[in-house]
C-alpha atoms as a PDB file:
ATOM      1  CA  MET A   1      17.187 -10.977  44.431  1.00  0.00           C
ATOM      2  CA  TYR A   2      14.438 -11.969  42.057  1.00  0.00           C
ATOM      3  CA  GLY A   3      11.086 -13.233  43.286  1.00  0.00           C
ATOM      4  CA  MET A   4       8.374 -14.866  41.241  1.00  0.00           C
ATOM      5  CA  ALA A   5       5.288 -13.010  40.061  1.00  0.00           C
ATOM      6  CA  THR A   6       3.220 -16.179  39.810  1.00  0.00           C
ATOM      7  CA  THR A   7       4.361 -19.776  39.645  1.00  0.00           C
ATOM      8  CA  GLU A   8       2.203 -20.737  36.691  1.00  0.00           C
ATOM      9  CA  GLY A   9       2.843 -19.805  33.116  1.00  0.00           C
ATOM     10  CA  LYS A  10       0.199 -18.767  30.625  1.00  0.00           C
ATOM     11  CA  SER A  11      -0.263 -19.059  26.909  1.00  0.00           C
ATOM     12  CA  PRO A  12      -0.299 -15.829  24.890  1.00  0.00           C
ATOM     13  CA  GLY A  13      -4.010 -16.358  24.269  1.00  0.00           C
ATOM     14  CA  GLU A  14      -4.788 -16.462  28.003  1.00  0.00           C
ATOM     15  CA  SER A  15      -3.415 -12.981  28.589  1.00  0.00           C
ATOM     16  CA  SER A  16      -4.189 -11.330  25.264  1.00  0.00           C
ATOM     17  CA  VAL A  17      -6.172  -8.093  25.244  1.00  0.00           C
ATOM     18  CA  GLU A  18      -8.438  -6.507  22.664  1.00  0.00           C
ATOM     19  CA  THR A  19      -9.839  -3.032  23.103  1.00  0.00           C
ATOM     20  CA  ARG A  20     -11.469  -0.326  20.986  1.00  0.00           C
ATOM     21  CA  TYR A  21     -11.352   3.424  20.700  1.00  0.00           C
ATOM     22  CA  LEU A  22     -13.112   6.024  18.581  1.00  0.00           C
ATOM     23  CA  VAL A  23     -10.901   8.749  17.094  1.00  0.00           C
ATOM     24  CA  MET A  24     -12.270  12.129  18.139  1.00  0.00           C
ATOM     25  CA  PRO A  25     -11.234  15.587  16.841  1.00  0.00           C
ATOM     26  CA  ALA A  26      -9.109  16.313  19.938  1.00  0.00           C
ATOM     27  CA  GLN A  27      -6.941  13.289  19.048  1.00  0.00           C
ATOM     28  CA  ALA A  28      -6.300  14.431  15.486  1.00  0.00           C
ATOM     29  CA  ASN A  29      -4.173  16.941  13.623  1.00  0.00           C
ATOM     30  CA  PRO A  30      -5.480  19.647  11.224  1.00  0.00           C
ATOM     31  CA  HIS A  31      -5.436  17.054   8.409  1.00  0.00           C
ATOM     32  CA  GLY A  32      -8.000  14.938  10.262  1.00  0.00           C
ATOM     33  CA  THR A  33      -5.646  12.054  11.038  1.00  0.00           C
ATOM     34  CA  ALA A  34      -4.918  10.745  14.517  1.00  0.00           C
ATOM     35  CA  PHE A  35      -1.880  12.103  16.327  1.00  0.00           C
ATOM     36  CA  GLY A  36       0.852   9.469  16.584  1.00  0.00           C
ATOM     37  CA  GLY A  37       1.113  10.250  20.301  1.00  0.00           C
ATOM     38  CA  SER A  38      -2.527   9.316  20.859  1.00  0.00           C
ATOM     39  CA  ILE A  39      -2.001   5.993  19.091  1.00  0.00           C
ATOM     40  CA  VAL A  40       1.229   5.336  21.043  1.00  0.00           C
ATOM     41  CA  GLY A  41      -0.593   6.037  24.320  1.00  0.00           C
ATOM     42  CA  TRP A  42      -3.271   3.499  23.432  1.00  0.00           C
ATOM     43  CA  ILE A  43      -0.592   0.981  22.406  1.00  0.00           C
ATOM     44  CA  ASP A  44       1.236   1.426  25.714  1.00  0.00           C
ATOM     45  CA  MET A  45      -1.945   0.983  27.787  1.00  0.00           C
ATOM     46  CA  THR A  46      -3.039  -2.096  25.849  1.00  0.00           C
ATOM     47  CA  ALA A  47       0.409  -3.694  26.092  1.00  0.00           C
ATOM     48  CA  ALA A  48       0.465  -3.024  29.858  1.00  0.00           C
ATOM     49  CA  MET A  49      -2.930  -4.706  30.253  1.00  0.00           C
ATOM     50  CA  ALA A  50      -1.657  -7.831  28.455  1.00  0.00           C
ATOM     51  CA  GLY A  51       1.476  -7.823  30.630  1.00  0.00           C
ATOM     52  CA  GLN A  52      -0.575  -7.443  33.805  1.00  0.00           C
ATOM     53  CA  ARG A  53      -2.854 -10.288  32.758  1.00  0.00           C
ATOM     54  CA  HIS A  54       0.159 -12.508  32.074  1.00  0.00           C
ATOM     55  CA  CYS A  55       1.976 -11.743  35.334  1.00  0.00           C
ATOM     56  CA  GLY A  56      -0.830 -10.899  37.725  1.00  0.00           C
ATOM     57  CA  ARG A  57       1.393  -8.007  38.847  1.00  0.00           C
ATOM     58  CA  GLU A  58       2.262  -4.421  38.049  1.00  0.00           C
ATOM     59  CA  VAL A  59       4.317  -3.893  34.894  1.00  0.00           C
ATOM     60  CA  VAL A  60       6.145  -0.892  33.463  1.00  0.00           C
ATOM     61  CA  THR A  61       7.221  -0.101  29.941  1.00  0.00           C
ATOM     62  CA  ALA A  62      10.987  -0.306  29.487  1.00  0.00           C
ATOM     63  CA  GLY A  63      10.974   0.478  25.790  1.00  0.00           C
ATOM     64  CA  ILE A  64       9.147   0.571  22.521  1.00  0.00           C
ATOM     65  CA  ASP A  65      11.363  -1.437  20.232  1.00  0.00           C
ATOM     66  CA  SER A  66       9.531  -1.051  16.974  1.00  0.00           C
ATOM     67  CA  LEU A  67       6.671   1.140  15.908  1.00  0.00           C
ATOM     68  CA  VAL A  68       5.468   1.270  12.322  1.00  0.00           C
ATOM     69  CA  PHE A  69       2.663   3.561  11.161  1.00  0.00           C
ATOM     70  CA  ARG A  70       1.411   1.768   8.046  1.00  0.00           C
ATOM     71  CA  GLN A  71      -1.905   3.475   7.326  1.00  0.00           C
ATOM     72  CA  PRO A  72      -3.490   6.723   8.539  1.00  0.00           C
ATOM     73  CA  ILE A  73      -6.333   6.641  11.034  1.00  0.00           C
ATOM     74  CA  ARG A  74      -8.929   9.379  10.631  1.00  0.00           C
ATOM     75  CA  ILE A  75     -11.443  11.167  12.830  1.00  0.00           C
ATOM     76  CA  GLY A  76     -14.473   8.903  13.236  1.00  0.00           C
ATOM     77  CA  ASP A  77     -12.587   5.665  12.583  1.00  0.00           C
ATOM     78  CA  HIS A  78     -12.859   2.859  15.084  1.00  0.00           C
ATOM     79  CA  VAL A  79      -9.480   1.685  16.334  1.00  0.00           C
ATOM     80  CA  ILE A  80      -9.037  -1.905  17.475  1.00  0.00           C
ATOM     81  CA  LEU A  81      -5.913  -2.727  19.469  1.00  0.00           C
ATOM     82  CA  LYS A  82      -4.831  -6.328  19.972  1.00  0.00           C
ATOM     83  CA  ALA A  83      -1.976  -7.101  22.359  1.00  0.00           C
ATOM     84  CA  ALA A  84      -0.327 -10.393  23.279  1.00  0.00           C
ATOM     85  CA  VAL A  85       2.799 -11.412  25.135  1.00  0.00           C
ATOM     86  CA  ASN A  86       5.210 -12.820  22.534  1.00  0.00           C
ATOM     87  CA  TYR A  87       8.219 -13.713  24.670  1.00  0.00           C
ATOM     88  CA  VAL A  88       9.330 -13.752  28.318  1.00  0.00           C
ATOM     89  CA  SER A  89      12.890 -13.638  29.605  1.00  0.00           C
ATOM     90  CA  ARG A  90      13.743 -13.217  33.293  1.00  0.00           C
ATOM     91  CA  SER A  91      11.894 -10.100  34.458  1.00  0.00           C
ATOM     92  CA  SER A  92      10.970  -8.655  31.089  1.00  0.00           C
ATOM     93  CA  MET A  93       8.607  -9.605  28.313  1.00  0.00           C
ATOM     94  CA  GLU A  94       7.961  -8.544  24.757  1.00  0.00           C
ATOM     95  CA  VAL A  95       4.378  -7.590  23.991  1.00  0.00           C
ATOM     96  CA  GLY A  96       3.240  -7.218  20.400  1.00  0.00           C
ATOM     97  CA  VAL A  97       0.419  -4.833  19.535  1.00  0.00           C
ATOM     98  CA  GLN A  98      -1.575  -4.586  16.323  1.00  0.00           C
ATOM     99  CA  VAL A  99      -3.609  -1.456  15.660  1.00  0.00           C
ATOM    100  CA  ILE A 100      -6.447  -1.988  13.209  1.00  0.00           C
ATOM    101  CA  ARG A 101      -8.427   0.823  11.597  1.00  0.00           C
ATOM    102  CA  GLU A 102     -12.090  -0.075  11.126  1.00  0.00           C
ATOM    103  CA  ASP A 103     -14.547   1.858   8.997  1.00  0.00           C
ATOM    104  CA  PRO A 104     -17.595   2.300  11.263  1.00  0.00           C
ATOM    105  CA  TYR A 105     -20.051   1.929   8.367  1.00  0.00           C
ATOM    106  CA  SER A 106     -18.603  -0.822   6.171  1.00  0.00           C
ATOM    107  CA  ALA A 107     -16.688  -2.643   8.959  1.00  0.00           C
ATOM    108  CA  GLU A 108     -13.702  -2.834   6.577  1.00  0.00           C
ATOM    109  CA  GLN A 109     -10.527  -3.383   8.596  1.00  0.00           C
ATOM    110  CA  VAL A 110      -6.961  -2.402   7.721  1.00  0.00           C
ATOM    111  CA  LEU A 111      -3.789  -3.000   9.735  1.00  0.00           C
ATOM    112  CA  ALA A 112      -2.705   0.560  10.538  1.00  0.00           C
ATOM    113  CA  THR A 113       0.125   0.239  13.059  1.00  0.00           C
ATOM    114  CA  THR A 114       2.284  -2.438  14.655  1.00  0.00           C
ATOM    115  CA  ALA A 115       4.513  -2.206  17.712  1.00  0.00           C
ATOM    116  CA  HIS A 116       6.710  -4.316  19.979  1.00  0.00           C
ATOM    117  CA  LEU A 117       7.198  -3.168  23.561  1.00  0.00           C
ATOM    118  CA  THR A 118       9.414  -4.408  26.367  1.00  0.00           C
ATOM    119  CA  LEU A 119       7.711  -4.500  29.762  1.00  0.00           C
ATOM    120  CA  VAL A 120       9.188  -5.343  33.160  1.00  0.00           C
ATOM    121  CA  VAL A 121       7.224  -7.006  35.990  1.00  0.00           C
ATOM    122  CA  LEU A 122       7.528  -5.397  39.431  1.00  0.00           C
ATOM    123  CA  ASP A 123       7.037  -6.503  43.016  1.00  0.00           C
ATOM    124  CA  GLU A 124       5.256  -4.482  45.705  1.00  0.00           C
ATOM    125  CA  ASN A 125       8.483  -2.465  46.241  1.00  0.00           C
ATOM    126  CA  LYS A 126       8.640  -1.519  42.545  1.00  0.00           C
ATOM    127  CA  LYS A 127      11.632  -3.817  41.986  1.00  0.00           C
ATOM    128  CA  PRO A 128      11.913  -6.205  39.007  1.00  0.00           C
ATOM    129  CA  ILE A 129      10.973  -9.810  39.714  1.00  0.00           C
ATOM    130  CA  THR A 130      10.913 -12.978  37.659  1.00  0.00           C
ATOM    131  CA  ALA A 131       8.056 -13.114  35.175  1.00  0.00           C
ATOM    132  CA  PRO A 132       6.014 -16.291  34.815  1.00  0.00           C
ATOM    133  CA  PRO A 133       6.923 -18.414  31.803  1.00  0.00           C
ATOM    134  CA  LEU A 134       5.148 -18.046  28.484  1.00  0.00           C
ATOM    135  CA  LEU A 135       3.617 -21.260  27.170  1.00  0.00           C
ATOM    136  CA  PRO A 136       2.952 -20.827  23.439  1.00  0.00           C
ATOM    137  CA  GLN A 137       0.387 -23.367  22.200  1.00  0.00           C
ATOM    138  CA  THR A 138      -0.598 -22.700  18.597  1.00  0.00           C
ATOM    139  CA  PRO A 139       1.738 -22.687  15.589  1.00  0.00           C
ATOM    140  CA  GLU A 140       1.200 -18.906  15.322  1.00  0.00           C
ATOM    141  CA  GLU A 141       2.083 -18.363  19.004  1.00  0.00           C
ATOM    142  CA  LYS A 142       5.188 -20.536  18.620  1.00  0.00           C
ATOM    143  CA  GLN A 143       6.277 -18.586  15.541  1.00  0.00           C
ATOM    144  CA  ARG A 144       5.732 -15.245  17.323  1.00  0.00           C
ATOM    145  CA  TYR A 145       7.797 -16.596  20.246  1.00  0.00           C
ATOM    146  CA  GLU A 146      10.709 -17.521  17.974  1.00  0.00           C
ATOM    147  CA  ASN A 147      10.537 -14.197  16.111  1.00  0.00           C
ATOM    148  CA  ALA A 148      10.475 -12.321  19.420  1.00  0.00           C
ATOM    149  CA  ARG A 149      13.407 -14.333  20.769  1.00  0.00           C
ATOM    150  CA  GLN A 150      15.439 -13.252  17.733  1.00  0.00           C
ATOM    151  CA  ARG A 151      14.393  -9.598  18.217  1.00  0.00           C
ATOM    152  CA  VAL A 152      15.397  -9.774  21.895  1.00  0.00           C
ATOM    153  CA  ARG A 153      18.857 -11.105  20.919  1.00  0.00           C
ATOM    154  CA  GLU A 154      19.278  -8.314  18.345  1.00  0.00           C
ATOM    155  CA  ARG A 155      18.046  -5.707  20.826  1.00  0.00           C
ATOM    156  CA  LYS A 156      20.585  -6.855  23.432  1.00  0.00           C
ATOM    157  CA  GLU A 157      23.379  -6.653  20.849  1.00  0.00           C
ATOM    158  CA  ARG A 158      22.345  -3.106  19.866  1.00  0.00           C
ATOM    159  CA  LEU A 159      22.218  -2.019  23.515  1.00  0.00           C
ATOM    160  CA  LYS A 160      25.589  -3.600  24.190  1.00  0.00           C
ATOM    161  CA  ALA A 161      27.103  -1.718  21.230  1.00  0.00           C
ATOM    162  CA  VAL A 162      25.552   1.578  22.363  1.00  0.00           C
ATOM    163  CA  ASN A 163      26.801   1.170  25.929  1.00  0.00           C
ATOM    164  CA  GLU A 164      30.401   0.291  25.012  1.00  0.00           C
ATOM    165  CA  PRO A 165      32.777   3.269  25.202  1.00  0.00           C
ATOM    166  CA  GLU A 166      34.102   4.482  21.867  1.00  0.00           C
ATOM    167  CA  ARG A 167      37.794   3.969  21.282  1.00  0.00           C
ATOM    168  CA  ILE A 168      39.584   6.880  19.672  1.00  0.00           C
END
């Protein structure tokens, strides 16, 4: 049986998260660029914070549906992560994360990585419950909602195809 995390919905802006990190040598490879695993860890934490803010409950990552490393991030760069809930279905939500590389001296910013994660909201017994609705307000939020809805449909179709037994 599904319960409700909260009865009120929120706009993506109300639960969005922005955080910063500094790339240190321990987070980089011998070429001086950040390990992908370090970036993915930051993405996962930032997405979870946005999900928690939206639901007011514990959330867990069910999957990382897309992850694109566009530009390298180097030792000493500032890393800005921006996360927002794009779409909510019953107990799951899609959270989009942008990773921006910032030069600490010129403040020049470049989009370095993008990701879409699926998170599930849990009750106190660690069981999935109904997530509060998402209430997109701005044209950008509405467009992200529609794009995410299409990705969710495609994701479900891919999972359905993977889970069907092969016929010989």
